[in-house]
PDB file of N, CA and C in Angstrom:
ATOM      1  N   UNK A   1      86.596 205.983 113.555  1.00  0.00           N
ATOM      2  CA  UNK A   1      87.281 206.138 112.301  1.00  0.00           C
ATOM      3  C   UNK A   1      86.289 206.379 111.171  1.00  0.00           C
ATOM      4  N   UNK A   2      85.100 205.843 111.300  1.00  0.00           N
ATOM      5  CA  UNK A   2      84.107 206.021 110.244  1.00  0.00           C
ATOM      6  C   UNK A   2      83.622 207.461 110.161  1.00  0.00           C
ATOM      7  N   UNK A   3      83.852 208.262 111.187  1.00  0.00           N
ATOM      8  CA  UNK A   3      83.437 209.656 111.175  1.00  0.00           C
ATOM      9  C   UNK A   3      84.405 210.565 110.424  1.00  0.00           C
ATOM     10  N   UNK A   4      85.556 210.034 109.997  1.00  0.00           N
ATOM     11  CA  UNK A   4      86.520 210.834 109.254  1.00  0.00           C
ATOM     12  C   UNK A   4      85.909 211.212 107.907  1.00  0.00           C
ATOM     13  N   UNK A   5      86.148 212.439 107.469  1.00  0.00           N
ATOM     14  CA  UNK A   5      85.566 212.879 106.205  1.00  0.00           C
ATOM     15  C   UNK A   5      86.333 212.381 104.981  1.00  0.00           C
ATOM     16  N   UNK A   6      87.591 211.984 105.144  1.00  0.00           N
ATOM     17  CA  UNK A   6      88.394 211.479 104.036  1.00  0.00           C
ATOM     18  C   UNK A   6      88.993 210.133 104.407  1.00  0.00           C
ATOM     19  N   UNK A   7      89.341 209.355 103.389  1.00  0.00           N
ATOM     20  CA  UNK A   7      89.977 208.057 103.629  1.00  0.00           C
ATOM     21  C   UNK A   7      91.353 208.240 104.251  1.00  0.00           C
ATOM     22  N   UNK A   8      92.117 209.185 103.702  1.00  0.00           N
ATOM     23  CA  UNK A   8      93.434 209.515 104.262  1.00  0.00           C
ATOM     24  C   UNK A   8      93.253 210.819 105.021  1.00  0.00           C
ATOM     25  N   UNK A   9      92.883 210.711 106.286  1.00  0.00           N
ATOM     26  CA  UNK A   9      92.508 211.874 107.079  1.00  0.00           C
ATOM     27  C   UNK A   9      93.691 212.773 107.410  1.00  0.00           C
ATOM     28  N   UNK A  10      94.886 212.239 107.419  1.00  0.00           N
ATOM     29  CA  UNK A  10      96.049 213.025 107.831  1.00  0.00           C
ATOM     30  C   UNK A  10      96.869 213.540 106.661  1.00  0.00           C
ATOM     31  N   UNK A  11      96.509 213.205 105.448  1.00  0.00           N
ATOM     32  CA  UNK A  11      97.282 213.599 104.280  1.00  0.00           C
ATOM     33  C   UNK A  11      98.168 212.472 103.811  1.00  0.00           C
ATOM     34  N   UNK A  12      98.528 212.502 102.550  1.00  0.00           N
ATOM     35  CA  UNK A  12      99.308 211.415 101.972  1.00  0.00           C
ATOM     36  C   UNK A  12     100.700 211.346 102.584  1.00  0.00           C
ATOM     37  N   UNK A  13     101.335 212.484 102.770  1.00  0.00           N
ATOM     38  CA  UNK A  13     102.702 212.492 103.310  1.00  0.00           C
ATOM     39  C   UNK A  13     102.750 211.873 104.706  1.00  0.00           C
ATOM     40  N   UNK A  14     101.863 212.314 105.592  1.00  0.00           N
ATOM     41  CA  UNK A  14     101.833 211.753 106.943  1.00  0.00           C
ATOM     42  C   UNK A  14     101.431 210.287 106.936  1.00  0.00           C
ATOM     43  N   UNK A  15     100.556 209.904 106.014  1.00  0.00           N
ATOM     44  CA  UNK A  15     100.166 208.504 105.899  1.00  0.00           C
ATOM     45  C   UNK A  15     101.327 207.610 105.493  1.00  0.00           C
ATOM     46  N   UNK A  16     102.125 208.080 104.540  1.00  0.00           N
ATOM     47  CA  UNK A  16     103.292 207.309 104.099  1.00  0.00           C
ATOM     48  C   UNK A  16     104.319 207.206 105.220  1.00  0.00           C
ATOM     49  N   UNK A  17     104.520 208.306 105.943  1.00  0.00           N
ATOM     50  CA  UNK A  17     105.461 208.286 107.071  1.00  0.00           C
ATOM     51  C   UNK A  17     104.985 207.308 108.144  1.00  0.00           C
ATOM     52  N   UNK A  18     103.681 207.326 108.445  1.00  0.00           N
ATOM     53  CA  UNK A  18     103.129 206.416 109.453  1.00  0.00           C
ATOM     54  C   UNK A  18     103.304 204.959 109.041  1.00  0.00           C
ATOM     55  N   UNK A  19     103.063 204.662 107.761  1.00  0.00           N
ATOM     56  CA  UNK A  19     103.214 203.285 107.286  1.00  0.00           C
ATOM     57  C   UNK A  19     104.682 202.858 107.307  1.00  0.00           C
ATOM     58  N   UNK A  20     105.582 203.763 106.921  1.00  0.00           N
ATOM     59  CA  UNK A  20     107.011 203.432 106.950  1.00  0.00           C
ATOM     60  C   UNK A  20     107.476 203.178 108.375  1.00  0.00           C
ATOM     61  N   UNK A  21     107.007 203.989 109.297  1.00  0.00           N
ATOM     62  CA  UNK A  21     107.397 203.788 110.690  1.00  0.00           C
ATOM     63  C   UNK A  21     106.866 202.459 111.212  1.00  0.00           C
ATOM     64  N   UNK A  22     105.637 202.132 110.869  1.00  0.00           N
ATOM     65  CA  UNK A  22     105.038 200.909 111.389  1.00  0.00           C
ATOM     66  C   UNK A  22     105.654 199.652 110.796  1.00  0.00           C
ATOM     67  N   UNK A  23     105.853 199.640 109.477  1.00  0.00           N
ATOM     68  CA  UNK A  23     106.256 198.407 108.821  1.00  0.00           C
ATOM     69  C   UNK A  23     107.753 198.297 108.546  1.00  0.00           C
ATOM     70  N   UNK A  24     108.515 199.379 108.667  1.00  0.00           N
ATOM     71  CA  UNK A  24     109.957 199.312 108.444  1.00  0.00           C
ATOM     72  C   UNK A  24     110.751 199.629 109.706  1.00  0.00           C
ATOM     73  N   UNK A  25     110.468 200.768 110.293  1.00  0.00           N
ATOM     74  CA  UNK A  25     111.231 201.190 111.470  1.00  0.00           C
ATOM     75  C   UNK A  25     110.858 200.352 112.690  1.00  0.00           C
ATOM     76  N   UNK A  26     109.575 200.007 112.835  1.00  0.00           N
ATOM     77  CA  UNK A  26     109.140 199.181 113.967  1.00  0.00           C
ATOM     78  C   UNK A  26     109.860 197.838 114.049  1.00  0.00           C
ATOM     79  N   UNK A  27     109.862 197.054 112.962  1.00  0.00           N
ATOM     80  CA  UNK A  27     110.606 195.790 112.997  1.00  0.00           C
ATOM     81  C   UNK A  27     112.116 195.983 113.188  1.00  0.00           C
ATOM     82  N   UNK A  28     112.667 197.072 112.648  1.00  0.00           N
ATOM     83  CA  UNK A  28     114.102 197.323 112.833  1.00  0.00           C
ATOM     84  C   UNK A  28     114.423 197.598 114.297  1.00  0.00           C
ATOM     85  N   UNK A  29     113.597 198.404 114.942  1.00  0.00           N
ATOM     86  CA  UNK A  29     113.795 198.680 116.369  1.00  0.00           C
ATOM     87  C   UNK A  29     113.612 197.410 117.189  1.00  0.00           C
ATOM     88  N   UNK A  30     112.636 196.597 116.815  1.00  0.00           N
ATOM     89  CA  UNK A  30     112.420 195.328 117.507  1.00  0.00           C
ATOM     90  C   UNK A  30     113.627 194.417 117.343  1.00  0.00           C
ATOM     91  N   UNK A  31     114.206 194.367 116.147  1.00  0.00           N
ATOM     92  CA  UNK A  31     115.373 193.517 115.913  1.00  0.00           C
ATOM     93  C   UNK A  31     116.560 193.985 116.750  1.00  0.00           C
ATOM     94  N   UNK A  32     116.805 195.278 116.770  1.00  0.00           N
ATOM     95  CA  UNK A  32     117.934 195.820 117.537  1.00  0.00           C
ATOM     96  C   UNK A  32     117.759 195.573 119.025  1.00  0.00           C
ATOM     97  N   UNK A  33     116.567 195.864 119.536  1.00  0.00           N
ATOM     98  CA  UNK A  33     116.346 195.682 120.971  1.00  0.00           C
ATOM     99  C   UNK A  33     116.326 194.200 121.357  1.00  0.00           C
ATOM    100  N   UNK A  34     115.826 193.347 120.485  1.00  0.00           N
ATOM    101  CA  UNK A  34     115.806 191.915 120.786  1.00  0.00           C
ATOM    102  C   UNK A  34     117.207 191.330 120.806  1.00  0.00           C
ATOM    103  N   UNK A  35     118.036 191.742 119.862  1.00  0.00           N
ATOM    104  CA  UNK A  35     119.420 191.276 119.855  1.00  0.00           C
ATOM    105  C   UNK A  35     120.148 191.783 121.097  1.00  0.00           C
ATOM    106  N   UNK A  36     119.872 193.028 121.491  1.00  0.00           N
ATOM    107  CA  UNK A  36     120.497 193.584 122.702  1.00  0.00           C
ATOM    108  C   UNK A  36     120.075 192.818 123.950  1.00  0.00           C
ATOM    109  N   UNK A  37     118.851 192.292 123.942  1.00  0.00           N
ATOM    110  CA  UNK A  37     118.354 191.525 125.086  1.00  0.00           C
ATOM    111  C   UNK A  37     118.789 190.060 125.038  1.00  0.00           C
ATOM    112  N   UNK A  38     119.388 189.646 123.938  1.00  0.00           N
ATOM    113  CA  UNK A  38     119.915 188.289 123.859  1.00  0.00           C
ATOM    114  C   UNK A  38     119.071 187.293 123.079  1.00  0.00           C
ATOM    115  N   UNK A  39     118.038 187.742 122.400  1.00  0.00           N
ATOM    116  CA  UNK A  39     117.231 186.819 121.606  1.00  0.00           C
ATOM    117  C   UNK A  39     118.000 186.412 120.358  1.00  0.00           C
ATOM    118  N   UNK A  40     117.912 185.171 120.000  1.00  0.00           N
ATOM    119  CA  UNK A  40     118.602 184.662 118.828  1.00  0.00           C
ATOM    120  C   UNK A  40     117.704 183.639 118.121  1.00  0.00           C
ATOM    121  N   UNK A  41     118.024 183.360 116.903  1.00  0.00           N
ATOM    122  CA  UNK A  41     117.365 182.304 116.152  1.00  0.00           C
ATOM    123  C   UNK A  41     115.901 182.554 115.860  1.00  0.00           C
ATOM    124  N   UNK A  42     115.125 181.497 116.024  1.00  0.00           N
ATOM    125  CA  UNK A  42     113.707 181.539 115.670  1.00  0.00           C
ATOM    126  C   UNK A  42     112.918 182.532 116.522  1.00  0.00           C
ATOM    127  N   UNK A  43     113.258 182.659 117.792  1.00  0.00           N
ATOM    128  CA  UNK A  43     112.548 183.592 118.674  1.00  0.00           C
ATOM    129  C   UNK A  43     112.751 185.026 118.204  1.00  0.00           C
ATOM    130  N   UNK A  44     113.950 185.361 117.761  1.00  0.00           N
ATOM    131  CA  UNK A  44     114.236 186.687 117.221  1.00  0.00           C
ATOM    132  C   UNK A  44     113.408 186.942 115.968  1.00  0.00           C
ATOM    133  N   UNK A  45     113.338 185.950 115.088  1.00  0.00           N
ATOM    134  CA  UNK A  45     112.558 186.096 113.857  1.00  0.00           C
ATOM    135  C   UNK A  45     111.077 186.289 114.149  1.00  0.00           C
ATOM    136  N   UNK A  46     110.561 185.576 115.124  1.00  0.00           N
ATOM    137  CA  UNK A  46     109.151 185.709 115.493  1.00  0.00           C
ATOM    138  C   UNK A  46     108.878 187.086 116.088  1.00  0.00           C
ATOM    139  N   UNK A  47     109.804 187.604 116.890  1.00  0.00           N
ATOM    140  CA  UNK A  47     109.642 188.946 117.459  1.00  0.00           C
ATOM    141  C   UNK A  47     109.601 189.999 116.355  1.00  0.00           C
ATOM    142  N   UNK A  48     110.458 189.866 115.360  1.00  0.00           N
ATOM    143  CA  UNK A  48     110.460 190.808 114.235  1.00  0.00           C
ATOM    144  C   UNK A  48     109.151 190.690 113.458  1.00  0.00           C
ATOM    145  N   UNK A  49     108.694 189.472 113.259  1.00  0.00           N
ATOM    146  CA  UNK A  49     107.442 189.248 112.538  1.00  0.00           C
ATOM    147  C   UNK A  49     106.263 189.880 113.274  1.00  0.00           C
ATOM    148  N   UNK A  50     106.233 189.757 114.585  1.00  0.00           N
ATOM    149  CA  UNK A  50     105.149 190.352 115.368  1.00  0.00           C
ATOM    150  C   UNK A  50     105.173 191.874 115.299  1.00  0.00           C
ATOM    151  N   UNK A  51     106.358 192.447 115.216  1.00  0.00           N
ATOM    152  CA  UNK A  51     106.457 193.902 115.110  1.00  0.00           C
ATOM    153  C   UNK A  51     105.939 194.400 113.766  1.00  0.00           C
ATOM    154  N   UNK A  52     105.936 193.531 112.760  1.00  0.00           N
ATOM    155  CA  UNK A  52     105.472 193.925 111.434  1.00  0.00           C
ATOM    156  C   UNK A  52     103.972 193.744 111.245  1.00  0.00           C
ATOM    157  N   UNK A  53     103.298 193.183 112.224  1.00  0.00           N
ATOM    158  CA  UNK A  53     101.858 192.990 112.103  1.00  0.00           C
ATOM    159  C   UNK A  53     101.128 194.320 112.309  1.00  0.00           C
ATOM    160  N   UNK A  54      99.931 194.469 111.749  1.00  0.00           N
ATOM    161  CA  UNK A  54      99.236 195.761 111.843  1.00  0.00           C
ATOM    162  C   UNK A  54      98.732 196.038 113.254  1.00  0.00           C
ATOM    163  N   UNK A  55      98.559 197.317 113.537  1.00  0.00           N
ATOM    164  CA  UNK A  55      98.016 197.702 114.837  1.00  0.00           C
ATOM    165  C   UNK A  55      96.515 197.497 114.840  1.00  0.00           C
ATOM    166  N   UNK A  56      95.963 197.331 116.010  1.00  0.00           N
ATOM    167  CA  UNK A  56      94.530 197.123 116.141  1.00  0.00           C
ATOM    168  C   UNK A  56      93.790 198.436 116.330  1.00  0.00           C
ATOM    169  N   UNK A  57      92.582 198.347 116.766  1.00  0.00           N
ATOM    170  CA  UNK A  57      91.739 199.514 116.932  1.00  0.00           C
ATOM    171  C   UNK A  57      91.987 200.223 118.264  1.00  0.00           C
ATOM    172  N   UNK A  58      92.561 199.526 119.233  1.00  0.00           N
ATOM    173  CA  UNK A  58      92.768 200.107 120.568  1.00  0.00           C
ATOM    174  C   UNK A  58      93.643 201.353 120.540  1.00  0.00           C
ATOM    175  N   UNK A  59      94.739 201.400 119.768  1.00  0.00           N
ATOM    176  CA  UNK A  59      95.502 202.652 119.716  1.00  0.00           C
ATOM    177  C   UNK A  59      94.673 203.840 119.228  1.00  0.00           C
ATOM    178  N   UNK A  60      93.747 203.587 118.285  1.00  0.00           N
ATOM    179  CA  UNK A  60      92.890 204.680 117.821  1.00  0.00           C
ATOM    180  C   UNK A  60      91.954 205.155 118.922  1.00  0.00           C
ATOM    181  N   UNK A  61      91.427 204.224 119.693  1.00  0.00           N
ATOM    182  CA  UNK A  61      90.521 204.597 120.784  1.00  0.00           C
ATOM    183  C   UNK A  61      91.237 205.500 121.781  1.00  0.00           C
ATOM    184  N   UNK A  62      92.469 205.138 122.144  1.00  0.00           N
ATOM    185  CA  UNK A  62      93.240 205.969 123.067  1.00  0.00           C
ATOM    186  C   UNK A  62      93.607 207.310 122.443  1.00  0.00           C
ATOM    187  N   UNK A  63      93.972 207.312 121.165  1.00  0.00           N
ATOM    188  CA  UNK A  63      94.320 208.566 120.490  1.00  0.00           C
ATOM    189  C   UNK A  63      93.114 209.498 120.423  1.00  0.00           C
ATOM    190  N   UNK A  64      91.951 208.946 120.160  1.00  0.00           N
ATOM    191  CA  UNK A  64      90.724 209.756 120.099  1.00  0.00           C
ATOM    192  C   UNK A  64      90.351 210.256 121.487  1.00  0.00           C
ATOM    193  N   UNK A  65      90.471 209.409 122.488  1.00  0.00           N
ATOM    194  CA  UNK A  65      90.122 209.776 123.859  1.00  0.00           C
ATOM    195  C   UNK A  65      90.985 210.913 124.376  1.00  0.00           C
ATOM    196  N   UNK A  66      92.293 210.830 124.110  1.00  0.00           N
ATOM    197  CA  UNK A  66      93.215 211.835 124.626  1.00  0.00           C
ATOM    198  C   UNK A  66      93.592 212.885 123.584  1.00  0.00           C
ATOM    199  N   UNK A  67      92.959 212.820 122.406  1.00  0.00           N
ATOM    200  CA  UNK A  67      93.148 213.787 121.328  1.00  0.00           C
ATOM    201  C   UNK A  67      94.622 213.944 120.943  1.00  0.00           C
ATOM    202  N   UNK A  68      95.271 212.804 120.708  1.00  0.00           N
ATOM    203  CA  UNK A  68      96.671 212.782 120.306  1.00  0.00           C
ATOM    204  C   UNK A  68      96.756 212.204 118.895  1.00  0.00           C
ATOM    205  N   UNK A  69      96.653 213.036 117.892  1.00  0.00           N
ATOM    206  CA  UNK A  69      96.756 212.677 116.477  1.00  0.00           C
ATOM    207  C   UNK A  69      95.843 211.521 116.072  1.00  0.00           C
ATOM    208  N   UNK A  70      94.548 211.600 116.346  1.00  0.00           N
ATOM    209  CA  UNK A  70      93.668 210.493 115.954  1.00  0.00           C
ATOM    210  C   UNK A  70      93.565 210.326 114.439  1.00  0.00           C
ATOM    211  N   UNK A  71      93.780 211.412 113.672  1.00  0.00           N
ATOM    212  CA  UNK A  71      93.703 211.287 112.218  1.00  0.00           C
ATOM    213  C   UNK A  71      94.838 210.433 111.662  1.00  0.00           C
ATOM    214  N   UNK A  72      96.031 210.587 112.205  1.00  0.00           N
ATOM    215  CA  UNK A  72      97.161 209.782 111.751  1.00  0.00           C
ATOM    216  C   UNK A  72      96.968 208.319 112.145  1.00  0.00           C
ATOM    217  N   UNK A  73      96.489 208.089 113.365  1.00  0.00           N
ATOM    218  CA  UNK A  73      96.275 206.711 113.823  1.00  0.00           C
ATOM    219  C   UNK A  73      95.176 206.033 113.012  1.00  0.00           C
ATOM    220  N   UNK A  74      94.100 206.765 112.699  1.00  0.00           N
ATOM    221  CA  UNK A  74      93.028 206.144 111.916  1.00  0.00           C
ATOM    222  C   UNK A  74      93.509 205.767 110.522  1.00  0.00           C
ATOM    223  N   UNK A  75      94.314 206.631 109.915  1.00  0.00           N
ATOM    224  CA  UNK A  75      94.885 206.292 108.607  1.00  0.00           C
ATOM    225  C   UNK A  75      95.796 205.083 108.725  1.00  0.00           C
ATOM    226  N   UNK A  76      96.592 205.041 109.792  1.00  0.00           N
ATOM    227  CA  UNK A  76      97.483 203.901 110.005  1.00  0.00           C
ATOM    228  C   UNK A  76      96.730 202.599 110.190  1.00  0.00           C
ATOM    229  N   UNK A  77      95.633 202.645 110.924  1.00  0.00           N
ATOM    230  CA  UNK A  77      94.846 201.429 111.154  1.00  0.00           C
ATOM    231  C   UNK A  77      94.204 200.952 109.853  1.00  0.00           C
ATOM    232  N   UNK A  78      93.596 201.864 109.105  1.00  0.00           N
ATOM    233  CA  UNK A  78      92.896 201.483 107.876  1.00  0.00           C
ATOM    234  C   UNK A  78      93.870 200.916 106.850  1.00  0.00           C
ATOM    235  N   UNK A  79      94.936 201.654 106.561  1.00  0.00           N
ATOM    236  CA  UNK A  79      95.878 201.185 105.553  1.00  0.00           C
ATOM    237  C   UNK A  79      96.746 200.050 106.065  1.00  0.00           C
ATOM    238  N   UNK A  80      96.995 200.006 107.354  1.00  0.00           N
ATOM    239  CA  UNK A  80      97.744 198.895 107.929  1.00  0.00           C
ATOM    240  C   UNK A  80      97.025 197.579 107.734  1.00  0.00           C
ATOM    241  N   UNK A  81      95.713 197.602 107.902  1.00  0.00           N
ATOM    242  CA  UNK A  81      94.926 196.383 107.689  1.00  0.00           C
ATOM    243  C   UNK A  81      94.903 195.986 106.219  1.00  0.00           C
ATOM    244  N   UNK A  82      94.900 196.979 105.329  1.00  0.00           N
ATOM    245  CA  UNK A  82      94.842 196.663 103.891  1.00  0.00           C
ATOM    246  C   UNK A  82      96.144 196.063 103.365  1.00  0.00           C
ATOM    247  N   UNK A  83      97.272 196.504 103.886  1.00  0.00           N
ATOM    248  CA  UNK A  83      98.550 196.014 103.371  1.00  0.00           C
ATOM    249  C   UNK A  83      99.178 194.964 104.284  1.00  0.00           C
ATOM    250  N   UNK A  84      98.468 194.530 105.293  1.00  0.00           N
ATOM    251  CA  UNK A  84      99.027 193.603 106.274  1.00  0.00           C
ATOM    252  C   UNK A  84      99.396 192.252 105.670  1.00  0.00           C
ATOM    253  N   UNK A  85      98.551 191.697 104.845  1.00  0.00           N
ATOM    254  CA  UNK A  85      98.816 190.367 104.285  1.00  0.00           C
ATOM    255  C   UNK A  85     100.066 190.362 103.399  1.00  0.00           C
ATOM    256  N   UNK A  86     100.181 191.274 102.421  1.00  0.00           N
ATOM    257  CA  UNK A  86     101.398 191.240 101.597  1.00  0.00           C
ATOM    258  C   UNK A  86     102.672 191.512 102.399  1.00  0.00           C
ATOM    259  N   UNK A  87     102.600 192.428 103.346  1.00  0.00           N
ATOM    260  CA  UNK A  87     103.786 192.745 104.139  1.00  0.00           C
ATOM    261  C   UNK A  87     104.141 191.584 105.064  1.00  0.00           C
ATOM    262  N   UNK A  88     103.143 190.969 105.673  1.00  0.00           N
ATOM    263  CA  UNK A  88     103.401 189.823 106.543  1.00  0.00           C
ATOM    264  C   UNK A  88     104.006 188.669 105.748  1.00  0.00           C
ATOM    265  N   UNK A  89     103.504 188.435 104.547  1.00  0.00           N
ATOM    266  CA  UNK A  89     104.072 187.383 103.705  1.00  0.00           C
ATOM    267  C   UNK A  89     105.503 187.709 103.291  1.00  0.00           C
ATOM    268  N   UNK A  90     105.774 188.987 103.029  1.00  0.00           N
ATOM    269  CA  UNK A  90     107.139 189.387 102.664  1.00  0.00           C
ATOM    270  C   UNK A  90     108.101 189.162 103.825  1.00  0.00           C
ATOM    271  N   UNK A  91     107.708 189.588 105.023  1.00  0.00           N
ATOM    272  CA  UNK A  91     108.559 189.360 106.193  1.00  0.00           C
ATOM    273  C   UNK A  91     108.713 187.865 106.469  1.00  0.00           C
ATOM    274  N   UNK A  92     107.641 187.112 106.293  1.00  0.00           N
ATOM    275  CA  UNK A  92     107.682 185.666 106.521  1.00  0.00           C
ATOM    276  C   UNK A  92     108.706 185.004 105.604  1.00  0.00           C
ATOM    277  N   UNK A  93     108.693 185.390 104.352  1.00  0.00           N
ATOM    278  CA  UNK A  93     109.632 184.775 103.412  1.00  0.00           C
ATOM    279  C   UNK A  93     111.056 185.303 103.605  1.00  0.00           C
ATOM    280  N   UNK A  94     111.209 186.589 103.935  1.00  0.00           N
ATOM    281  CA  UNK A  94     112.546 187.139 104.191  1.00  0.00           C
ATOM    282  C   UNK A  94     113.200 186.529 105.414  1.00  0.00           C
ATOM    283  N   UNK A  95     112.398 186.274 106.448  1.00  0.00           N
ATOM    284  CA  UNK A  95     112.930 185.700 107.685  1.00  0.00           C
ATOM    285  C   UNK A  95     113.022 184.181 107.630  1.00  0.00           C
ATOM    286  N   UNK A  96     112.496 183.589 106.572  1.00  0.00           N
ATOM    287  CA  UNK A  96     112.515 182.135 106.369  1.00  0.00           C
ATOM    288  C   UNK A  96     111.905 181.381 107.548  1.00  0.00           C
ATOM    289  N   UNK A  97     110.694 181.799 107.924  1.00  0.00           N
ATOM    290  CA  UNK A  97     110.011 181.120 109.044  1.00  0.00           C
ATOM    291  C   UNK A  97     109.283 179.896 108.582  1.00  0.00           C
TER     292      UNK A  97
END
């Protein structure tokens, strides 16, 4: 990721889409699939919270290795780590954990 020439390597539009997918659509899909599988209560809330946590470096390594949009993943990892604390706190308070 340090070899990228720009901070937002994929462009602002793709970066915003990646962040929305990770922090909004990801937890929503987790909530729907968890309810379909029968999770309820605190376990459901924890599953949603885990889906809202930032991605690690491993997805970038695989994206770079197989050349599948590494610029979008690197932007997602960098900005995901920067906004992880406020978003995690927001989900924590919304879910009343």
